[in-house]
Amino acid sequence: MITLIGKDLAKEGLEFQYLGPLLECRSCKLKNVCFNLDEGKWYRITKIRDKEHDCKVHDEGKVVTVEVEEIPVPLAVEAKSLVEGESITFKPVNCKEYGCEFYELCHPLGLREGTKVKITKVEGEIDCPKKKGIKKVLVTW
């Protein structure tokens, strides 16, 4: 999969979450290359190509062409038992502790309630200050 990323950010192995298109880019001729990723999903840069382009959004004024691969999304789920390879329906953890270190795992950007996800890895229990039985998993959808 090919996309564009700011020249200063382009490092092999960099992992990032694609948060969606920017309004400032709607008239750019390269927007279809930048916006071809799925919102909310995580990606890893696997190769940097030599091609550079001008960009009005990135501080350095340049973007480079990179090859990326989708990687599993980290997520917190309430469950007593989870099995790698199992498919579940995502339901965000019911919590409003915005300052919690685990908040983004419990409420991941781009993943909507009711989405079917597949567990690729169970990483273990999260030490949640409010609830028990919350586990960190990696998922794809």
Protein backbone atom coordinates (compact mmCIF):
# COMPACT_ATOMS: atom_id res chain seq x y z
CA MET A 1 0.00 0.00 0.00
CA ILE A 2 1.39 3.42 -0.99
CA THR A 3 0.80 6.77 0.74
CA LEU A 4 2.54 10.08 1.38
CA ILE A 5 3.97 11.28 4.68
CA GLY A 6 5.91 14.34 5.84
CA LYS A 7 9.58 14.10 4.93
CA ASP A 8 10.76 14.49 8.54
CA LEU A 9 8.39 11.71 9.68
CA ALA A 10 9.38 9.22 7.00
CA LYS A 11 11.35 6.55 8.87
CA GLU A 12 11.18 2.83 8.19
CA GLY A 13 9.40 1.11 11.07
CA LEU A 14 7.44 4.20 12.13
CA GLU A 15 3.98 3.24 13.33
CA PHE A 16 1.12 5.72 13.10
CA GLN A 17 -2.63 5.94 13.25
CA TYR A 18 -4.36 7.48 10.22
CA LEU A 19 -6.86 10.00 11.58
CA GLY A 20 -8.50 10.95 8.29
CA PRO A 21 -8.33 13.70 5.66
CA LEU A 22 -7.61 17.34 6.43
CA LEU A 23 -9.81 20.13 5.07
CA GLU A 24 -6.72 22.07 3.96
CA CYS A 25 -5.95 19.27 1.49
CA ARG A 26 -9.24 19.12 -0.42
CA SER A 27 -7.85 21.02 -3.45
CA CYS A 28 -4.49 19.19 -3.56
CA LYS A 29 -3.82 17.09 -6.65
CA LEU A 30 -2.17 14.39 -4.48
CA LYS A 31 -5.02 13.99 -1.95
CA ASN A 32 -6.07 10.59 -3.29
CA VAL A 33 -2.64 9.18 -2.45
CA CYS A 34 -2.62 10.72 1.04
CA PHE A 35 -6.20 9.72 1.83
CA ASN A 36 -6.17 6.12 0.63
CA LEU A 37 -5.78 4.68 4.14
CA ASP A 38 -8.63 3.64 6.44
CA GLU A 39 -9.47 6.12 9.16
CA GLY A 40 -8.61 4.93 12.66
CA LYS A 41 -6.38 2.07 11.54
CA TRP A 42 -2.71 1.76 12.41
CA TYR A 43 0.08 1.45 9.84
CA ARG A 44 3.83 0.78 9.77
CA ILE A 45 6.19 2.25 7.18
CA THR A 46 7.96 -0.64 5.45
CA LYS A 47 9.82 1.22 2.70
CA ILE A 48 10.68 4.80 1.80
CA ARG A 49 10.80 5.69 -1.87
CA ASP A 50 12.90 8.47 -3.42
CA LYS A 51 9.98 10.51 -4.78
CA GLU A 52 9.26 13.84 -3.01
CA HIS A 53 6.35 16.24 -3.51
CA ASP A 54 5.57 19.76 -2.32
CA CYS A 55 3.04 19.98 0.51
CA LYS A 56 1.32 23.00 2.08
CA VAL A 57 0.43 21.15 5.29
CA HIS A 58 3.70 19.64 6.53
CA ASP A 59 6.12 22.02 8.27
CA GLU A 60 9.04 21.03 6.09
CA GLY A 61 6.95 21.66 2.94
CA LYS A 62 7.68 18.21 1.50
CA VAL A 63 6.12 14.76 1.58
CA VAL A 64 7.70 11.51 0.43
CA THR A 65 6.18 8.37 -1.00
CA VAL A 66 6.21 5.43 1.42
CA GLU A 67 5.00 1.86 1.43
CA VAL A 68 2.96 0.91 4.50
CA GLU A 69 1.34 -2.17 5.96
CA GLU A 70 -1.68 -2.28 8.21
CA ILE A 71 -0.93 -3.38 11.75
CA PRO A 72 -3.35 -4.49 14.49
CA VAL A 73 -5.05 -1.80 16.57
CA PRO A 74 -4.50 -1.78 20.35
CA LEU A 75 -7.80 -1.94 22.21
CA ALA A 76 -9.20 -2.48 25.70
CA VAL A 77 -12.16 -4.81 26.10
CA GLU A 78 -14.22 -6.00 29.04
CA ALA A 79 -14.18 -9.79 29.00
CA LYS A 80 -13.44 -12.71 31.26
CA SER A 81 -11.89 -14.82 28.55
CA LEU A 82 -10.62 -13.94 25.09
CA VAL A 83 -9.07 -16.17 22.47
CA GLU A 84 -6.68 -15.16 19.71
CA GLY A 85 -8.44 -15.54 16.37
CA GLU A 86 -11.84 -14.94 17.96
CA SER A 87 -14.18 -12.35 16.44
CA ILE A 88 -16.07 -10.05 18.79
CA THR A 89 -18.33 -7.03 18.47
CA PHE A 90 -16.60 -3.90 19.74
CA LYS A 91 -18.24 -2.14 22.66
CA PRO A 92 -16.30 0.74 24.24
CA VAL A 93 -15.57 0.49 27.95
CA ASN A 94 -18.14 2.62 29.78
CA CYS A 95 -15.81 5.21 31.34
CA LYS A 96 -15.47 9.00 31.31
CA GLU A 97 -12.01 9.23 32.93
CA TYR A 98 -10.51 11.37 30.13
CA GLY A 99 -7.17 11.75 31.90
CA CYS A 100 -6.67 8.01 32.37
CA GLU A 101 -3.59 6.54 30.73
CA PHE A 102 -5.80 3.83 29.19
CA TYR A 103 -8.58 6.11 27.85
CA GLU A 104 -7.42 5.88 24.22
CA LEU A 105 -7.36 2.07 24.45
CA CYS A 106 -10.93 2.07 25.77
CA HIS A 107 -12.15 4.64 23.22
CA PRO A 108 -9.98 4.21 20.09
CA LEU A 109 -10.37 6.79 17.32
CA GLY A 110 -12.02 5.47 14.18
CA LEU A 111 -13.50 2.33 15.74
CA ARG A 112 -17.26 2.52 16.20
CA GLU A 113 -19.40 0.55 18.60
CA GLY A 114 -20.85 -2.52 16.91
CA THR A 115 -17.89 -3.05 14.57
CA LYS A 116 -16.84 -6.70 14.25
CA VAL A 117 -13.14 -7.08 15.12
CA LYS A 118 -10.81 -10.08 15.11
CA ILE A 119 -8.44 -10.55 18.03
CA THR A 120 -4.90 -11.13 16.77
CA LYS A 121 -3.24 -11.08 20.19
CA VAL A 122 -4.30 -10.97 23.84
CA GLU A 123 -1.71 -8.87 25.65
CA GLY A 124 -3.11 -9.22 29.16
CA GLU A 125 -4.94 -7.51 31.98
CA ILE A 126 -5.03 -3.71 32.25
CA ASP A 127 -4.67 -2.27 35.75
CA CYS A 128 -7.78 -0.12 35.45
CA PRO A 129 -8.42 2.04 38.52
CA LYS A 130 -12.23 1.76 38.06
CA LYS A 131 -12.97 -1.75 36.80
CA LYS A 132 -11.69 -5.29 36.78
CA GLY A 133 -11.59 -7.70 33.88
CA ILE A 134 -10.35 -5.26 31.23
CA LYS A 135 -7.80 -6.72 28.86
CA LYS A 136 -5.56 -5.17 26.22
CA VAL A 137 -5.84 -6.89 22.86
CA LEU A 138 -4.66 -6.23 19.33
CA VAL A 139 -7.39 -6.37 16.68
CA THR A 140 -8.04 -6.00 12.97
CA TRP A 141 -11.35 -5.28 11.25
